[in-house]
C-alpha atoms as a PDB file:
ATOM      1  CA  MET A   1     110.571 -49.105 -83.733  1.00  0.00           C
ATOM      2  CA  SER A   2     111.801 -45.650 -84.616  1.00  0.00           C
ATOM      3  CA  THR A   3     110.190 -42.390 -83.556  1.00  0.00           C
ATOM      4  CA  ALA A   4     108.543 -42.349 -86.977  1.00  0.00           C
ATOM      5  CA  ASP A   5     107.086 -45.815 -86.349  1.00  0.00           C
ATOM      6  CA  LEU A   6     105.649 -44.706 -83.014  1.00  0.00           C
ATOM      7  CA  SER A   7     104.132 -41.637 -84.647  1.00  0.00           C
ATOM      8  CA  ARG A   8     102.405 -43.981 -87.128  1.00  0.00           C
ATOM      9  CA  LEU A   9     101.054 -46.286 -84.427  1.00  0.00           C
ATOM     10  CA  ARG A  10      97.307 -46.749 -84.912  1.00  0.00           C
ATOM     11  CA  TRP A  11      94.422 -49.105 -84.220  1.00  0.00           C
ATOM     12  CA  ALA A  12      91.985 -50.762 -86.581  1.00  0.00           C
ATOM     13  CA  VAL A  13      89.091 -53.212 -86.621  1.00  0.00           C
ATOM     14  CA  SER A  14      89.321 -56.139 -89.043  1.00  0.00           C
ATOM     15  CA  PRO A  15      86.106 -58.081 -89.787  1.00  0.00           C
ATOM     16  CA  ALA A  16      88.041 -60.375 -92.148  1.00  0.00           C
ATOM     17  CA  TRP A  17      90.462 -61.323 -89.396  1.00  0.00           C
ATOM     18  CA  GLU A  18      87.585 -62.124 -87.019  1.00  0.00           C
ATOM     19  CA  LEU A  19      86.096 -64.316 -89.751  1.00  0.00           C
ATOM     20  CA  LEU A  20      89.343 -66.248 -90.215  1.00  0.00           C
ATOM     21  CA  ALA A  21      90.106 -66.535 -86.515  1.00  0.00           C
ATOM     22  CA  SER A  22      86.570 -67.746 -85.800  1.00  0.00           C
ATOM     23  CA  ILE A  23      86.982 -70.588 -88.319  1.00  0.00           C
ATOM     24  CA  ARG A  24      90.144 -71.701 -86.565  1.00  0.00           C
ATOM     25  CA  THR A  25      88.286 -71.475 -83.252  1.00  0.00           C
ATOM     26  CA  LEU A  26      85.590 -73.815 -84.616  1.00  0.00           C
ATOM     27  CA  ALA A  27      88.252 -76.185 -85.928  1.00  0.00           C
ATOM     28  CA  ARG A  28      89.991 -76.361 -82.511  1.00  0.00           C
ATOM     29  CA  PRO A  29      87.193 -75.749 -79.968  1.00  0.00           C
ATOM     30  CA  ALA A  30      89.023 -77.295 -76.997  1.00  0.00           C
ATOM     31  CA  ARG A  31      91.441 -74.349 -76.976  1.00  0.00           C
ATOM     32  CA  HIS A  32      88.709 -71.707 -76.931  1.00  0.00           C
ATOM     33  CA  ALA A  33      86.263 -72.572 -74.166  1.00  0.00           C
ATOM     34  CA  ILE A  34      85.632 -68.861 -73.592  1.00  0.00           C
ATOM     35  CA  HIS A  35      83.549 -68.893 -76.798  1.00  0.00           C
ATOM     36  CA  MET A  36      81.512 -71.981 -75.843  1.00  0.00           C
ATOM     37  CA  PRO A  37      78.049 -70.398 -76.329  1.00  0.00           C
ATOM     38  CA  TRP A  38      78.966 -69.388 -79.877  1.00  0.00           C
ATOM     39  CA  LEU A  39      80.773 -72.661 -80.561  1.00  0.00           C
ATOM     40  CA  SER A  40      77.727 -74.658 -79.521  1.00  0.00           C
ATOM     41  CA  ASP A  41      75.577 -72.805 -82.052  1.00  0.00           C
ATOM     42  CA  HIS A  42      77.963 -73.181 -85.006  1.00  0.00           C
ATOM     43  CA  ARG A  43      80.037 -76.325 -84.472  1.00  0.00           C
ATOM     44  CA  ASP A  44      78.402 -78.036 -87.472  1.00  0.00           C
ATOM     45  CA  ASP A  45      78.674 -75.118 -89.881  1.00  0.00           C
ATOM     46  CA  PRO A  46      78.810 -76.252 -93.550  1.00  0.00           C
ATOM     47  CA  LEU A  47      82.181 -74.564 -94.057  1.00  0.00           C
ATOM     48  CA  LEU A  48      83.725 -77.195 -91.779  1.00  0.00           C
ATOM     49  CA  THR A  49      81.461 -80.119 -92.609  1.00  0.00           C
ATOM     50  CA  GLY A  50      80.210 -79.567 -96.175  1.00  0.00           C
ATOM     51  CA  PRO A  51      81.998 -81.285 -99.093  1.00  0.00           C
ATOM     52  CA  GLY A  52      81.676 -78.248-101.369  1.00  0.00           C
ATOM     53  CA  THR A  53      83.772 -75.935 -99.180  1.00  0.00           C
ATOM     54  CA  SER A  54      86.921 -78.021 -98.806  1.00  0.00           C
ATOM     55  CA  ALA A  55      89.224 -75.409-100.366  1.00  0.00           C
ATOM     56  CA  ALA A  56      88.017 -72.641 -98.011  1.00  0.00           C
ATOM     57  CA  ARG A  57      88.305 -75.026 -95.066  1.00  0.00           C
ATOM     58  CA  ASP A  58      91.806 -76.238 -95.990  1.00  0.00           C
ATOM     59  CA  LEU A  59      93.045 -72.692 -96.506  1.00  0.00           C
ATOM     60  CA  THR A  60      91.653 -71.133 -93.324  1.00  0.00           C
ATOM     61  CA  ALA A  61      91.518 -73.935 -90.744  1.00  0.00           C
ATOM     62  CA  GLY A  62      95.110 -75.079 -91.196  1.00  0.00           C
ATOM     63  CA  PRO A  63      98.007 -75.372 -90.849  1.00  0.00           C
ATOM     64  CA  PRO A  64      98.138 -74.914 -87.077  1.00  0.00           C
ATOM     65  CA  SER A  65     101.209 -72.644 -87.116  1.00  0.00           C
ATOM     66  CA  HIS A  66      99.985 -69.632 -89.079  1.00  0.00           C
ATOM     67  CA  LEU A  67      97.700 -68.418 -91.832  1.00  0.00           C
ATOM     68  CA  PRO A  68      98.897 -67.522 -95.324  1.00  0.00           C
ATOM     69  CA  GLY A  69      99.611 -63.790 -95.095  1.00  0.00           C
ATOM     70  CA  PHE A  70      97.451 -62.718 -98.034  1.00  0.00           C
ATOM     71  CA  LEU A  71      94.292 -63.938 -96.262  1.00  0.00           C
ATOM     72  CA  ALA A  72      94.417 -61.125 -93.708  1.00  0.00           C
ATOM     73  CA  PRO A  73      95.707 -57.855 -95.209  1.00  0.00           C
ATOM     74  CA  THR A  74      96.565 -55.234 -92.605  1.00  0.00           C
ATOM     75  CA  PRO A  75      93.501 -53.012 -92.056  1.00  0.00           C
ATOM     76  CA  LEU A  76      94.344 -49.333 -92.271  1.00  0.00           C
ATOM     77  CA  SER A  77      91.171 -47.846 -90.790  1.00  0.00           C
ATOM     78  CA  PRO A  78      89.090 -48.418 -87.639  1.00  0.00           C
ATOM     79  CA  LEU A  79      86.087 -48.395 -90.001  1.00  0.00           C
ATOM     80  CA  THR A  80      87.258 -51.185 -92.336  1.00  0.00           C
ATOM     81  CA  ALA A  81      84.378 -53.110 -93.941  1.00  0.00           C
ATOM     82  CA  LEU A  82      84.389 -56.859 -94.555  1.00  0.00           C
ATOM     83  CA  ASP A  83      83.647 -56.501 -98.278  1.00  0.00           C
ATOM     84  CA  ASP A  84      86.611 -54.147 -98.730  1.00  0.00           C
ATOM     85  CA  GLU A  85      88.965 -56.592 -97.026  1.00  0.00           C
ATOM     86  CA  LEU A  86      87.742 -59.609 -98.986  1.00  0.00           C
ATOM     87  CA  ASP A  87      87.940 -57.660-102.238  1.00  0.00           C
ATOM     88  CA  GLU A  88      91.583 -56.925-101.391  1.00  0.00           C
ATOM     89  CA  VAL A  89      92.183 -60.642-100.824  1.00  0.00           C
ATOM     90  CA  CYS A  90      90.809 -61.361-104.308  1.00  0.00           C
ATOM     91  CA  ARG A  91      93.246 -58.819-105.792  1.00  0.00           C
ATOM     92  CA  THR A  92      96.332 -60.483-104.274  1.00  0.00           C
ATOM     93  CA  PRO A  93      99.072 -60.832-106.902  1.00  0.00           C
ATOM     94  CA  ALA A  94      99.662 -64.419-108.041  1.00  0.00           C
ATOM     95  CA  ASP A  95     103.301 -64.431-106.927  1.00  0.00           C
ATOM     96  CA  VAL A  96     102.306 -63.373-103.387  1.00  0.00           C
ATOM     97  CA  VAL A  97      99.682 -66.143-103.210  1.00  0.00           C
ATOM     98  CA  ARG A  98     102.202 -68.785-104.249  1.00  0.00           C
ATOM     99  CA  ARG A  99     104.862 -67.436-101.887  1.00  0.00           C
ATOM    100  CA  ASP A 100     102.520 -67.394 -98.887  1.00  0.00           C
ATOM    101  CA  LEU A 101     101.160 -70.867 -99.610  1.00  0.00           C
ATOM    102  CA  ALA A 102     104.706 -72.221 -99.688  1.00  0.00           C
ATOM    103  CA  ALA A 103     105.539 -70.457 -96.410  1.00  0.00           C
ATOM    104  CA  ALA A 104     102.420 -71.780 -94.662  1.00  0.00           C
ATOM    105  CA  PHE A 105     102.203 -75.335 -96.016  1.00  0.00           C
ATOM    106  CA  GLY A 106     105.679 -76.166 -97.305  1.00  0.00           C
ATOM    107  CA  ASP A 107     105.501 -79.472 -99.182  1.00  0.00           C
ATOM    108  CA  ASP A 108     102.178 -80.428 -97.535  1.00  0.00           C
ATOM    109  CA  LEU A 109      99.797 -78.325 -99.613  1.00  0.00           C
ATOM    110  CA  PRO A 110      96.326 -79.969 -99.478  1.00  0.00           C
ATOM    111  CA  ALA A 111      95.209 -81.359-102.826  1.00  0.00           C
ATOM    112  CA  GLY A 112      92.138 -79.100-102.755  1.00  0.00           C
ATOM    113  CA  LEU A 113      94.396 -76.032-102.875  1.00  0.00           C
ATOM    114  CA  ALA A 114      96.385 -77.123-105.928  1.00  0.00           C
ATOM    115  CA  PRO A 115      94.229 -74.942-108.245  1.00  0.00           C
ATOM    116  CA  MET A 116      95.522 -71.895-106.356  1.00  0.00           C
ATOM    117  CA  LEU A 117      98.976 -72.522-107.770  1.00  0.00           C
ATOM    118  CA  ARG A 118      97.674 -72.687-111.345  1.00  0.00           C
ATOM    119  CA  ALA A 119      95.055 -69.926-111.266  1.00  0.00           C
ATOM    120  CA  PRO A 120      95.222 -68.049-107.947  1.00  0.00           C
ATOM    121  CA  ARG A 121      92.727 -65.302-108.841  1.00  0.00           C
ATOM    122  CA  ARG A 122      89.975 -67.705-109.935  1.00  0.00           C
ATOM    123  CA  ALA A 123      90.466 -70.000-106.919  1.00  0.00           C
ATOM    124  CA  LEU A 124      90.433 -67.061-104.507  1.00  0.00           C
ATOM    125  CA  GLU A 125      87.136 -65.756-105.871  1.00  0.00           C
ATOM    126  CA  ALA A 126      85.457 -69.108-105.176  1.00  0.00           C
ATOM    127  CA  ILE A 127      86.963 -69.310-101.692  1.00  0.00           C
ATOM    128  CA  VAL A 128      85.927 -65.752-100.833  1.00  0.00           C
ATOM    129  CA  THR A 129      82.356 -66.563-101.918  1.00  0.00           C
ATOM    130  CA  ASP A 130      82.293 -69.399 -99.374  1.00  0.00           C
ATOM    131  CA  LEU A 131      83.750 -67.107 -96.699  1.00  0.00           C
ATOM    132  CA  ARG A 132      81.084 -64.448 -97.305  1.00  0.00           C
ATOM    133  CA  GLN A 133      78.351 -67.074 -96.862  1.00  0.00           C
ATOM    134  CA  TYR A 134      80.011 -68.317 -93.673  1.00  0.00           C
ATOM    135  CA  TRP A 135      80.047 -64.753 -92.334  1.00  0.00           C
ATOM    136  CA  GLN A 136      76.323 -64.337 -92.925  1.00  0.00           C
ATOM    137  CA  ARG A 137      75.547 -67.582 -91.078  1.00  0.00           C
ATOM    138  CA  THR A 138      77.843 -67.231 -88.080  1.00  0.00           C
ATOM    139  CA  LEU A 139      79.113 -63.702 -87.453  1.00  0.00           C
ATOM    140  CA  ALA A 140      76.814 -61.156 -89.099  1.00  0.00           C
ATOM    141  CA  PRO A 141      74.099 -61.543 -86.413  1.00  0.00           C
ATOM    142  CA  ASN A 142      76.708 -61.024 -83.672  1.00  0.00           C
ATOM    143  CA  TRP A 143      78.828 -58.391 -85.395  1.00  0.00           C
ATOM    144  CA  PRO A 144      77.305 -55.293 -83.683  1.00  0.00           C
ATOM    145  CA  ARG A 145      78.105 -56.844 -80.296  1.00  0.00           C
ATOM    146  CA  ILE A 146      81.629 -57.879 -81.330  1.00  0.00           C
ATOM    147  CA  ARG A 147      82.404 -54.562 -83.029  1.00  0.00           C
ATOM    148  CA  ALA A 148      81.276 -52.553 -79.989  1.00  0.00           C
ATOM    149  CA  LEU A 149      83.671 -54.563 -77.805  1.00  0.00           C
ATOM    150  CA  LEU A 150      86.537 -54.019 -80.262  1.00  0.00           C
ATOM    151  CA  GLU A 151      85.868 -50.284 -80.511  1.00  0.00           C
ATOM    152  CA  SER A 152      85.688 -49.901 -76.742  1.00  0.00           C
ATOM    153  CA  ASP A 153      89.123 -51.580 -76.536  1.00  0.00           C
ATOM    154  CA  ILE A 154      90.547 -49.134 -79.082  1.00  0.00           C
ATOM    155  CA  HIS A 155      89.223 -46.217 -77.054  1.00  0.00           C
ATOM    156  CA  TYR A 156      90.774 -47.621 -73.879  1.00  0.00           C
ATOM    157  CA  ARG A 157      94.185 -48.360 -75.464  1.00  0.00           C
ATOM    158  CA  ALA A 158      94.446 -44.978 -77.168  1.00  0.00           C
ATOM    159  CA  ARG A 159      93.700 -43.247 -73.891  1.00  0.00           C
ATOM    160  CA  SER A 160      96.252 -45.474 -72.130  1.00  0.00           C
ATOM    161  CA  LEU A 161      98.917 -44.509 -74.690  1.00  0.00           C
ATOM    162  CA  THR A 162      98.195 -40.814 -74.120  1.00  0.00           C
ATOM    163  CA  GLU A 163      98.092 -41.005 -70.344  1.00  0.00           C
ATOM    164  CA  ARG A 164     100.724 -43.673 -69.580  1.00  0.00           C
ATOM    165  CA  GLY A 165     103.035 -43.862 -72.590  1.00  0.00           C
ATOM    166  CA  PRO A 166     103.882 -46.701 -75.004  1.00  0.00           C
ATOM    167  CA  ALA A 167     105.717 -48.996 -72.555  1.00  0.00           C
ATOM    168  CA  ALA A 168     102.751 -49.231 -70.167  1.00  0.00           C
ATOM    169  CA  MET A 169     100.270 -49.434 -73.024  1.00  0.00           C
ATOM    170  CA  PHE A 170     102.037 -52.388 -74.702  1.00  0.00           C
ATOM    171  CA  ALA A 171     102.520 -54.224 -71.382  1.00  0.00           C
ATOM    172  CA  ASP A 172      98.796 -53.896 -70.671  1.00  0.00           C
ATOM    173  CA  ILE A 173      97.846 -55.360 -74.063  1.00  0.00           C
ATOM    174  CA  HIS A 174      99.410 -58.776 -73.461  1.00  0.00           C
ATOM    175  CA  PRO A 175     101.983 -60.248 -71.029  1.00  0.00           C
ATOM    176  CA  ASP A 176     104.117 -61.355 -73.999  1.00  0.00           C
ATOM    177  CA  LEU A 177     104.657 -57.736 -75.129  1.00  0.00           C
ATOM    178  CA  THR A 178     107.326 -55.468 -73.647  1.00  0.00           C
ATOM    179  CA  PHE A 179     108.543 -52.175 -75.063  1.00  0.00           C
ATOM    180  CA  ASP A 180     111.920 -50.645 -74.231  1.00  0.00           C
ATOM    181  CA  GLN A 181     111.476 -46.951 -74.889  1.00  0.00           C
ATOM    182  CA  VAL A 182     115.210 -46.238 -74.575  1.00  0.00           C
ATOM    183  CA  THR A 183     116.202 -48.587 -77.413  1.00  0.00           C
ATOM    184  CA  GLY A 184     112.861 -48.452 -79.250  1.00  0.00           C
ATOM    185  CA  THR A 185     112.600 -52.246 -79.148  1.00  0.00           C
ATOM    186  CA  LEU A 186     109.296 -54.090 -78.962  1.00  0.00           C
ATOM    187  CA  ARG A 187     109.864 -57.666 -77.750  1.00  0.00           C
ATOM    188  CA  ILE A 188     107.381 -60.488 -78.325  1.00  0.00           C
ATOM    189  CA  ALA A 189     107.890 -63.419 -75.953  1.00  0.00           C
ATOM    190  CA  GLY A 190     106.771 -66.943 -76.718  1.00  0.00           C
ATOM    191  CA  ARG A 191     107.665 -66.824 -80.412  1.00  0.00           C
ATOM    192  CA  LYS A 192     108.301 -70.132 -82.126  1.00  0.00           C
ATOM    193  CA  ALA A 193     111.893 -71.238 -81.594  1.00  0.00           C
ATOM    194  CA  GLY A 194     114.183 -71.450 -84.575  1.00  0.00           C
ATOM    195  CA  ILE A 195     112.687 -68.618 -86.649  1.00  0.00           C
ATOM    196  CA  PRO A 196     115.377 -67.383 -89.052  1.00  0.00           C
ATOM    197  CA  ASP A 197     116.297 -63.768 -88.399  1.00  0.00           C
ATOM    198  CA  PRO A 198     113.815 -63.082 -85.585  1.00  0.00           C
ATOM    199  CA  HIS A 199     114.805 -59.402 -85.487  1.00  0.00           C
ATOM    200  CA  ARG A 200     112.812 -56.962 -87.586  1.00  0.00           C
ATOM    201  CA  SER A 201     113.177 -53.244 -88.195  1.00  0.00           C
ATOM    202  CA  LEU A 202     109.886 -51.544 -89.037  1.00  0.00           C
ATOM    203  CA  GLU A 203     111.826 -48.923 -91.022  1.00  0.00           C
ATOM    204  CA  GLY A 204     109.238 -46.196 -90.636  1.00  0.00           C
ATOM    205  CA  ARG A 205     106.348 -48.356 -91.903  1.00  0.00           C
ATOM    206  CA  GLY A 206     104.485 -47.887 -88.623  1.00  0.00           C
ATOM    207  CA  LEU A 207     102.468 -50.470 -86.735  1.00  0.00           C
ATOM    208  CA  VAL A 208      98.751 -51.312 -86.659  1.00  0.00           C
ATOM    209  CA  LEU A 209      97.246 -52.828 -83.514  1.00  0.00           C
ATOM    210  CA  VAL A 210      94.097 -54.886 -84.055  1.00  0.00           C
ATOM    211  CA  PRO A 211      91.990 -56.034 -81.087  1.00  0.00           C
ATOM    212  CA  SER A 212      90.355 -59.393 -81.731  1.00  0.00           C
ATOM    213  CA  ALA A 213      87.659 -61.451 -80.025  1.00  0.00           C
ATOM    214  CA  PHE A 214      88.728 -64.740 -81.583  1.00  0.00           C
ATOM    215  CA  ALA A 215      92.497 -64.246 -81.190  1.00  0.00           C
ATOM    216  CA  TRP A 216      92.178 -65.106 -77.493  1.00  0.00           C
ATOM    217  CA  PRO A 217      94.447 -66.014 -75.770  1.00  0.00           C
ATOM    218  CA  LYS A 218      97.311 -65.548 -78.277  1.00  0.00           C
ATOM    219  CA  LEU A 219      99.102 -62.782 -80.139  1.00  0.00           C
ATOM    220  CA  TYR A 220      99.338 -62.855 -83.928  1.00  0.00           C
ATOM    221  CA  PHE A 221     101.734 -60.641 -85.817  1.00  0.00           C
ATOM    222  CA  LYS A 222     102.933 -59.980 -89.346  1.00  0.00           C
ATOM    223  CA  THR A 223     105.916 -57.895 -90.418  1.00  0.00           C
ATOM    224  CA  ALA A 224     106.465 -59.203 -93.966  1.00  0.00           C
ATOM    225  CA  GLU A 225     106.208 -57.045 -97.058  1.00  0.00           C
ATOM    226  CA  PRO A 226     104.071 -55.779 -98.723  1.00  0.00           C
ATOM    227  CA  TRP A 227     101.846 -55.215 -95.684  1.00  0.00           C
ATOM    228  CA  VAL A 228     102.080 -52.627 -92.969  1.00  0.00           C
ATOM    229  CA  PRO A 229     103.275 -54.454 -89.802  1.00  0.00           C
ATOM    230  CA  VAL A 230     100.388 -55.587 -87.611  1.00  0.00           C
ATOM    231  CA  ILE A 231      99.837 -57.178 -84.203  1.00  0.00           C
ATOM    232  CA  ARG A 232      96.485 -58.775 -83.430  1.00  0.00           C
ATOM    233  CA  TYR A 233      95.764 -59.252 -79.747  1.00  0.00           C
ATOM    234  CA  PRO A 234      92.933 -60.511 -77.473  1.00  0.00           C
ATOM    235  CA  VAL A 235      90.363 -57.799 -76.909  1.00  0.00           C
ATOM    236  CA  ARG A 236      89.832 -56.514 -73.387  1.00  0.00           C
ATOM    237  CA  GLY A 237      86.653 -57.893 -71.795  1.00  0.00           C
ATOM    238  CA  VAL A 238      86.263 -60.868 -74.151  1.00  0.00           C
ATOM    239  CA  GLY A 239      84.918 -62.931 -71.253  1.00  0.00           C
ATOM    240  CA  THR A 240      81.751 -60.807 -71.251  1.00  0.00           C
ATOM    241  CA  LEU A 241      81.085 -61.158 -74.983  1.00  0.00           C
ATOM    242  CA  TRP A 242      78.494 -63.933 -74.850  1.00  0.00           C
ATOM    243  CA  GLU A 243      76.931 -63.073 -71.490  1.00  0.00           C
ATOM    244  CA  SER A 244      73.193 -62.411 -71.367  1.00  0.00           C
ATOM    245  CA  PRO A 245      72.344 -59.070 -69.763  1.00  0.00           C
ATOM    246  CA  ALA A 246      70.659 -59.212 -66.373  1.00  0.00           C
ATOM    247  CA  GLY A 247      69.289 -56.111 -64.698  1.00  0.00           C
ATOM    248  CA  ASN A 248      70.543 -55.138 -61.268  1.00  0.00           C
ATOM    249  CA  ALA A 249      67.627 -55.728 -58.904  1.00  0.00           C
ATOM    250  CA  ASP A 250      69.081 -53.575 -56.109  1.00  0.00           C
ATOM    251  CA  LEU A 251      69.283 -50.488 -58.340  1.00  0.00           C
ATOM    252  CA  ALA A 252      65.931 -50.980 -60.056  1.00  0.00           C
ATOM    253  CA  PRO A 253      63.784 -49.253 -57.402  1.00  0.00           C
ATOM    254  CA  ALA A 254      65.953 -46.125 -57.572  1.00  0.00           C
ATOM    255  CA  LEU A 255      66.736 -45.953 -61.279  1.00  0.00           C
ATOM    256  CA  GLY A 256      63.930 -47.952 -62.850  1.00  0.00           C
ATOM    257  CA  ALA A 257      64.330 -51.498 -64.158  1.00  0.00           C
ATOM    258  CA  THR A 258      65.405 -50.509 -67.675  1.00  0.00           C
ATOM    259  CA  ARG A 259      68.037 -47.968 -66.654  1.00  0.00           C
ATOM    260  CA  ALA A 260      69.369 -50.352 -64.000  1.00  0.00           C
ATOM    261  CA  MET A 261      69.704 -53.056 -66.674  1.00  0.00           C
ATOM    262  CA  LEU A 262      71.533 -50.695 -69.055  1.00  0.00           C
ATOM    263  CA  LEU A 263      73.908 -49.584 -66.320  1.00  0.00           C
ATOM    264  CA  ASP A 264      74.601 -53.234 -65.528  1.00  0.00           C
ATOM    265  CA  VAL A 265      75.280 -54.086 -69.189  1.00  0.00           C
ATOM    266  CA  LEU A 266      77.680 -51.137 -69.435  1.00  0.00           C
ATOM    267  CA  GLU A 267      80.271 -53.032 -67.431  1.00  0.00           C
ATOM    268  CA  THR A 268      81.847 -53.033 -70.907  1.00  0.00           C
ATOM    269  CA  PRO A 269      81.488 -49.825 -72.996  1.00  0.00           C
ATOM    270  CA  ALA A 270      78.916 -50.118 -75.776  1.00  0.00           C
ATOM    271  CA  GLY A 271      77.025 -48.052 -78.333  1.00  0.00           C
ATOM    272  CA  THR A 272      73.303 -47.450 -78.638  1.00  0.00           C
ATOM    273  CA  LEU A 273      72.679 -50.070 -81.344  1.00  0.00           C
ATOM    274  CA  GLU A 274      74.750 -52.677 -79.509  1.00  0.00           C
ATOM    275  CA  LEU A 275      72.773 -52.054 -76.317  1.00  0.00           C
ATOM    276  CA  ALA A 276      69.524 -52.340 -78.251  1.00  0.00           C
ATOM    277  CA  ASN A 277      70.625 -55.682 -79.734  1.00  0.00           C
ATOM    278  CA  ARG A 278      71.731 -57.055 -76.383  1.00  0.00           C
ATOM    279  CA  THR A 279      68.665 -55.964 -74.404  1.00  0.00           C
ATOM    280  CA  GLY A 280      65.923 -56.255 -77.013  1.00  0.00           C
ATOM    281  CA  LEU A 281      64.930 -52.602 -76.505  1.00  0.00           C
ATOM    282  CA  ALA A 282      64.204 -50.149 -79.304  1.00  0.00           C
ATOM    283  CA  PRO A 283      67.209 -47.914 -80.177  1.00  0.00           C
ATOM    284  CA  GLY A 284      65.146 -44.784 -79.511  1.00  0.00           C
ATOM    285  CA  GLY A 285      64.241 -45.989 -76.031  1.00  0.00           C
ATOM    286  CA  VAL A 286      67.843 -46.925 -75.292  1.00  0.00           C
ATOM    287  CA  SER A 287      68.976 -43.473 -76.382  1.00  0.00           C
ATOM    288  CA  ALA A 288      66.473 -41.765 -74.066  1.00  0.00           C
ATOM    289  CA  HIS A 289      67.563 -43.850 -71.069  1.00  0.00           C
ATOM    290  CA  LEU A 290      71.253 -43.258 -71.840  1.00  0.00           C
ATOM    291  CA  HIS A 291      70.595 -39.520 -71.886  1.00  0.00           C
ATOM    292  CA  LYS A 292      69.088 -39.691 -68.386  1.00  0.00           C
ATOM    293  CA  LEU A 293      71.942 -41.837 -67.060  1.00  0.00           C
ATOM    294  CA  THR A 294      74.415 -39.352 -68.558  1.00  0.00           C
ATOM    295  CA  ARG A 295      72.651 -36.396 -66.917  1.00  0.00           C
ATOM    296  CA  ALA A 296      72.817 -38.244 -63.602  1.00  0.00           C
ATOM    297  CA  GLY A 297      76.583 -38.597 -64.028  1.00  0.00           C
ATOM    298  CA  LEU A 298      76.455 -42.399 -63.982  1.00  0.00           C
ATOM    299  CA  ILE A 299      77.744 -42.904 -67.538  1.00  0.00           C
ATOM    300  CA  ALA A 300      79.646 -40.788 -70.053  1.00  0.00           C
ATOM    301  CA  PRO A 301      79.830 -40.886 -73.872  1.00  0.00           C
ATOM    302  CA  HIS A 302      83.139 -41.370 -75.720  1.00  0.00           C
ATOM    303  CA  ARG A 303      83.447 -40.950 -79.473  1.00  0.00           C
ATOM    304  CA  THR A 304      85.442 -43.533 -81.497  1.00  0.00           C
ATOM    305  CA  GLY A 305      85.356 -42.564 -85.168  1.00  0.00           C
ATOM    306  CA  ARG A 306      81.694 -42.338 -86.094  1.00  0.00           C
ATOM    307  CA  ILE A 307      80.604 -44.458 -83.133  1.00  0.00           C
ATOM    308  CA  VAL A 308      79.708 -43.098 -79.689  1.00  0.00           C
ATOM    309  CA  LEU A 309      80.368 -45.566 -76.879  1.00  0.00           C
ATOM    310  CA  TYR A 310      78.924 -45.208 -73.400  1.00  0.00           C
ATOM    311  CA  ALA A 311      80.818 -46.294 -70.296  1.00  0.00           C
ATOM    312  CA  ARG A 312      80.224 -46.101 -66.572  1.00  0.00           C
ATOM    313  CA  THR A 313      81.782 -43.150 -64.792  1.00  0.00           C
ATOM    314  CA  ALA A 314      83.506 -43.466 -61.417  1.00  0.00           C
ATOM    315  CA  ARG A 315      80.174 -42.512 -59.865  1.00  0.00           C
ATOM    316  CA  GLY A 316      78.428 -45.284 -61.800  1.00  0.00           C
ATOM    317  CA  GLU A 317      81.068 -47.828 -60.844  1.00  0.00           C
ATOM    318  CA  ALA A 318      80.693 -46.855 -57.170  1.00  0.00           C
ATOM    319  CA  LEU A 319      77.162 -48.227 -57.192  1.00  0.00           C
ATOM    320  CA  TYR A 320      78.592 -51.718 -57.659  1.00  0.00           C
ATOM    321  CA  HIS A 321      81.014 -51.624 -54.734  1.00  0.00           C
END
């Protein structure tokens, strides 16, 4: 990574990647016990069990090594929308589709994907339709909660880069990442043995870091053209994602039950709408309570793009120790 690459380092949220990674989580649930509450609700989703979605299932749930690159274009904005990403998938050039299918499946292309070789654009449109329906069934209801966790991670990592530098920031993302600032080399441990030419120069293309709930516990990376290089990594605090909020009884007499509950939930930074979804409170009521907690110095707001996330301050954290 050159100085130019480091200057182009940025973070992004990718709904399409979460969609794809969640399908692979459903297909291999034993490896992802951390998502058990969600898995229990969606283990029999029609995308995995229905006969009419075999192409979408074959393309996204296998092979076990890696996904075809065109399925997850590198997001270039922290505000990327699912529809924009899936529309980009549908526009993938035919030669890129065929190249990526060959790289992912070799000579073992499932019979249901054969139409992609003959008419990639038409086959992709049908597959993307199935993926949009899957999203609405499984992830759309949970997306505010997931997105708030991803955005809080971006805020934390960006601050870590500013305060501690790139070497400490990369090491904190995942134990398999180490950055040598003297040589400008980012090393990824645990890569599959025998990869031809495992050394890559980013050549000023920059690097996008994408926190992911469903990537846990692995790293996923892509350096191939025509995409901007990307590393997808497990989001910080993923273990709290499916927890039900429970108010802190000891703080309730002093703060009030609702504010004590919100302070408890803010173990992980979250926005107003996310807090409303998680607690069942009206957004207006949540906003009023957050204002009072902020005035008391127990939480502080942090802006990430258009989203304001609230997090406990040191004073707020002290109440739990």
